[in-house]
Amino acid sequence: MAVVLVLALAFLVKGKVAAVAVLAGGAGVVLGQALATQVALGRGVVAARAAFFRLVLATLLKWVVAILFFAAALVVWRLAPLPMLAGFVAAVVAYPLGFNFLRQDRT
């Protein structure tokens, strides 16, 4: 979310509405990822088949939530699409990069 906040500050030059649109685009991805994390990892250790099912379900839910949030922000709040797309892409790209670079070795 820090990358989305920095991007929102950059879009603040275009106005408050653009900055809010960036935040909305990133917020959908963050909410989707939070839900996916809870679904995939929320119930402890399970068998491999159940774990795989939960990962697939979590991924599906993540994208459904992110896209529905994006669509709702476009239709209901009528936010600018380009800043929202920039926030969306920034959040999607930043999450795996941050996850890989901030990983701790547990040896």
C-alpha atoms as a PDB file:
ATOM      1  CA  MET A   1       0.000   0.000   0.000  1.00  0.00           C
ATOM      2  CA  ALA A   2       3.012   2.279   0.470  1.00  0.00           C
ATOM      3  CA  VAL A   3       3.628   2.285  -3.290  1.00  0.00           C
ATOM      4  CA  VAL A   4       0.016   3.302  -3.875  1.00  0.00           C
ATOM      5  CA  LEU A   5       0.362   6.121  -1.338  1.00  0.00           C
ATOM      6  CA  VAL A   6       3.488   7.443  -3.066  1.00  0.00           C
ATOM      7  CA  LEU A   7       1.716   7.232  -6.418  1.00  0.00           C
ATOM      8  CA  ALA A   8      -1.282   9.078  -4.962  1.00  0.00           C
ATOM      9  CA  LEU A   9       1.054  11.848  -3.816  1.00  0.00           C
ATOM     10  CA  ALA A  10       2.422  12.054  -7.359  1.00  0.00           C
ATOM     11  CA  PHE A  11      -1.102  12.244  -8.795  1.00  0.00           C
ATOM     12  CA  LEU A  12      -1.975  14.967  -6.296  1.00  0.00           C
ATOM     13  CA  VAL A  13      -0.439  17.327  -8.850  1.00  0.00           C
ATOM     14  CA  LYS A  14      -3.418  16.511 -11.110  1.00  0.00           C
ATOM     15  CA  GLY A  15      -5.862  17.189  -8.273  1.00  0.00           C
ATOM     16  CA  LYS A  16      -7.513  15.588  -5.275  1.00  0.00           C
ATOM     17  CA  VAL A  17      -9.890  13.531  -7.415  1.00  0.00           C
ATOM     18  CA  ALA A  18      -6.990  11.874  -9.240  1.00  0.00           C
ATOM     19  CA  ALA A  19      -5.241  11.078  -5.949  1.00  0.00           C
ATOM     20  CA  VAL A  20      -8.423   9.545  -4.543  1.00  0.00           C
ATOM     21  CA  ALA A  21      -8.805   7.503  -7.737  1.00  0.00           C
ATOM     22  CA  VAL A  22      -5.276   6.118  -7.302  1.00  0.00           C
ATOM     23  CA  LEU A  23      -6.078   5.186  -3.707  1.00  0.00           C
ATOM     24  CA  ALA A  24      -9.316   3.508  -4.772  1.00  0.00           C
ATOM     25  CA  GLY A  25      -7.543   1.482  -7.460  1.00  0.00           C
ATOM     26  CA  GLY A  26      -4.946   0.274  -4.973  1.00  0.00           C
ATOM     27  CA  ALA A  27      -7.459  -0.293  -2.186  1.00  0.00           C
ATOM     28  CA  GLY A  28      -9.360  -2.860  -4.239  1.00  0.00           C
ATOM     29  CA  VAL A  29      -6.222  -4.929  -4.683  1.00  0.00           C
ATOM     30  CA  VAL A  30      -5.271  -4.599  -1.018  1.00  0.00           C
ATOM     31  CA  LEU A  31      -8.745  -5.654   0.149  1.00  0.00           C
ATOM     32  CA  GLY A  32      -8.741  -8.576  -2.255  1.00  0.00           C
ATOM     33  CA  GLN A  33      -5.319  -9.686  -1.080  1.00  0.00           C
ATOM     34  CA  ALA A  34      -6.343  -9.421   2.574  1.00  0.00           C
ATOM     35  CA  LEU A  35      -9.365 -11.625   1.900  1.00  0.00           C
ATOM     36  CA  ALA A  36      -7.244 -14.090  -0.070  1.00  0.00           C
ATOM     37  CA  THR A  37      -4.720 -14.336   2.740  1.00  0.00           C
ATOM     38  CA  GLN A  38      -7.448 -15.033   5.278  1.00  0.00           C
ATOM     39  CA  VAL A  39      -9.077 -17.694   3.096  1.00  0.00           C
ATOM     40  CA  ALA A  40      -5.824 -19.423   2.149  1.00  0.00           C
ATOM     41  CA  LEU A  41      -4.067 -19.353   5.511  1.00  0.00           C
ATOM     42  CA  GLY A  42      -6.769 -18.677   8.096  1.00  0.00           C
ATOM     43  CA  ARG A  43      -7.535 -22.192   9.324  1.00  0.00           C
ATOM     44  CA  GLY A  44      -4.151 -23.681  10.044  1.00  0.00           C
ATOM     45  CA  VAL A  45      -2.553 -26.811   8.647  1.00  0.00           C
ATOM     46  CA  VAL A  46      -4.666 -29.019   6.362  1.00  0.00           C
ATOM     47  CA  ALA A  47      -4.150 -31.811   3.831  1.00  0.00           C
ATOM     48  CA  ALA A  48      -2.567 -30.990   0.473  1.00  0.00           C
ATOM     49  CA  ARG A  49      -5.803 -31.275  -1.504  1.00  0.00           C
ATOM     50  CA  ALA A  50      -7.646 -28.922   0.846  1.00  0.00           C
ATOM     51  CA  ALA A  51      -4.722 -26.493   0.871  1.00  0.00           C
ATOM     52  CA  PHE A  52      -4.648 -26.397  -2.929  1.00  0.00           C
ATOM     53  CA  PHE A  53      -8.413 -25.838  -3.050  1.00  0.00           C
ATOM     54  CA  ARG A  54      -8.114 -22.976  -0.569  1.00  0.00           C
ATOM     55  CA  LEU A  55      -5.318 -21.375  -2.615  1.00  0.00           C
ATOM     56  CA  VAL A  56      -7.385 -21.563  -5.803  1.00  0.00           C
ATOM     57  CA  LEU A  57     -10.457 -20.200  -4.026  1.00  0.00           C
ATOM     58  CA  ALA A  58      -8.401 -17.435  -2.440  1.00  0.00           C
ATOM     59  CA  THR A  59      -6.965 -16.378  -5.794  1.00  0.00           C
ATOM     60  CA  LEU A  60     -10.400 -16.347  -7.388  1.00  0.00           C
ATOM     61  CA  LEU A  61     -11.847 -14.286  -4.534  1.00  0.00           C
ATOM     62  CA  LYS A  62      -8.920 -11.852  -4.671  1.00  0.00           C
ATOM     63  CA  TRP A  63      -9.523 -11.038  -8.308  1.00  0.00           C
ATOM     64  CA  VAL A  64     -13.308 -10.894  -7.942  1.00  0.00           C
ATOM     65  CA  VAL A  65     -13.047  -8.432  -5.064  1.00  0.00           C
ATOM     66  CA  ALA A  66     -10.416  -6.316  -6.827  1.00  0.00           C
ATOM     67  CA  ILE A  67     -12.366  -6.110 -10.090  1.00  0.00           C
ATOM     68  CA  LEU A  68     -15.714  -5.476  -8.392  1.00  0.00           C
ATOM     69  CA  PHE A  69     -14.169  -2.715  -6.268  1.00  0.00           C
ATOM     70  CA  PHE A  70     -12.619  -1.206  -9.406  1.00  0.00           C
ATOM     71  CA  ALA A  71     -15.939  -1.367 -11.279  1.00  0.00           C
ATOM     72  CA  ALA A  72     -17.883   0.069  -8.352  1.00  0.00           C
ATOM     73  CA  ALA A  73     -15.466   2.968  -8.062  1.00  0.00           C
ATOM     74  CA  LEU A  74     -15.876   3.676 -11.773  1.00  0.00           C
ATOM     75  CA  VAL A  75     -19.663   3.401 -11.856  1.00  0.00           C
ATOM     76  CA  VAL A  76     -20.798   4.581  -8.430  1.00  0.00           C
ATOM     77  CA  TRP A  77     -18.168   7.162  -7.476  1.00  0.00           C
ATOM     78  CA  ARG A  78     -17.349   8.092 -11.103  1.00  0.00           C
ATOM     79  CA  LEU A  79     -13.626   8.316 -10.436  1.00  0.00           C
ATOM     80  CA  ALA A  80     -11.118   8.916 -13.215  1.00  0.00           C
ATOM     81  CA  PRO A  81     -10.183   5.612 -14.872  1.00  0.00           C
ATOM     82  CA  LEU A  82      -6.511   6.285 -15.686  1.00  0.00           C
ATOM     83  CA  PRO A  83      -5.405   7.133 -12.118  1.00  0.00           C
ATOM     84  CA  MET A  84      -7.443   4.181 -10.833  1.00  0.00           C
ATOM     85  CA  LEU A  85      -5.744   1.878 -13.304  1.00  0.00           C
ATOM     86  CA  ALA A  86      -2.354   3.247 -12.253  1.00  0.00           C
ATOM     87  CA  GLY A  87      -3.124   2.522  -8.585  1.00  0.00           C
ATOM     88  CA  PHE A  88      -4.444  -0.923  -9.476  1.00  0.00           C
ATOM     89  CA  VAL A  89      -1.343  -1.840 -11.488  1.00  0.00           C
ATOM     90  CA  ALA A  90       1.006  -0.386  -8.868  1.00  0.00           C
ATOM     91  CA  ALA A  91      -0.595  -2.509  -6.147  1.00  0.00           C
ATOM     92  CA  VAL A  92      -0.613  -5.661  -8.286  1.00  0.00           C
ATOM     93  CA  VAL A  93       3.069  -5.251  -9.215  1.00  0.00           C
ATOM     94  CA  ALA A  94       4.303  -4.050  -5.816  1.00  0.00           C
ATOM     95  CA  TYR A  95       2.849  -6.908  -3.762  1.00  0.00           C
ATOM     96  CA  PRO A  96       4.898  -9.802  -5.171  1.00  0.00           C
ATOM     97  CA  LEU A  97       8.011  -7.644  -5.492  1.00  0.00           C
ATOM     98  CA  GLY A  98       7.765  -6.508  -1.888  1.00  0.00           C
ATOM     99  CA  PHE A  99       6.983 -10.008  -0.730  1.00  0.00           C
ATOM    100  CA  ASN A 100      10.080 -11.414  -2.420  1.00  0.00           C
ATOM    101  CA  PHE A 101      12.465  -8.642  -1.365  1.00  0.00           C
ATOM    102  CA  LEU A 102      11.277  -8.516   2.252  1.00  0.00           C
ATOM    103  CA  ARG A 103      11.280 -12.288   2.725  1.00  0.00           C
ATOM    104  CA  GLN A 104      13.173 -13.477   5.769  1.00  0.00           C
ATOM    105  CA  ASP A 105      15.326 -16.593   5.730  1.00  0.00           C
ATOM    106  CA  ARG A 106      14.201 -19.096   8.327  1.00  0.00           C
ATOM    107  CA  THR A 107      17.109 -21.462   8.460  1.00  0.00           C
END
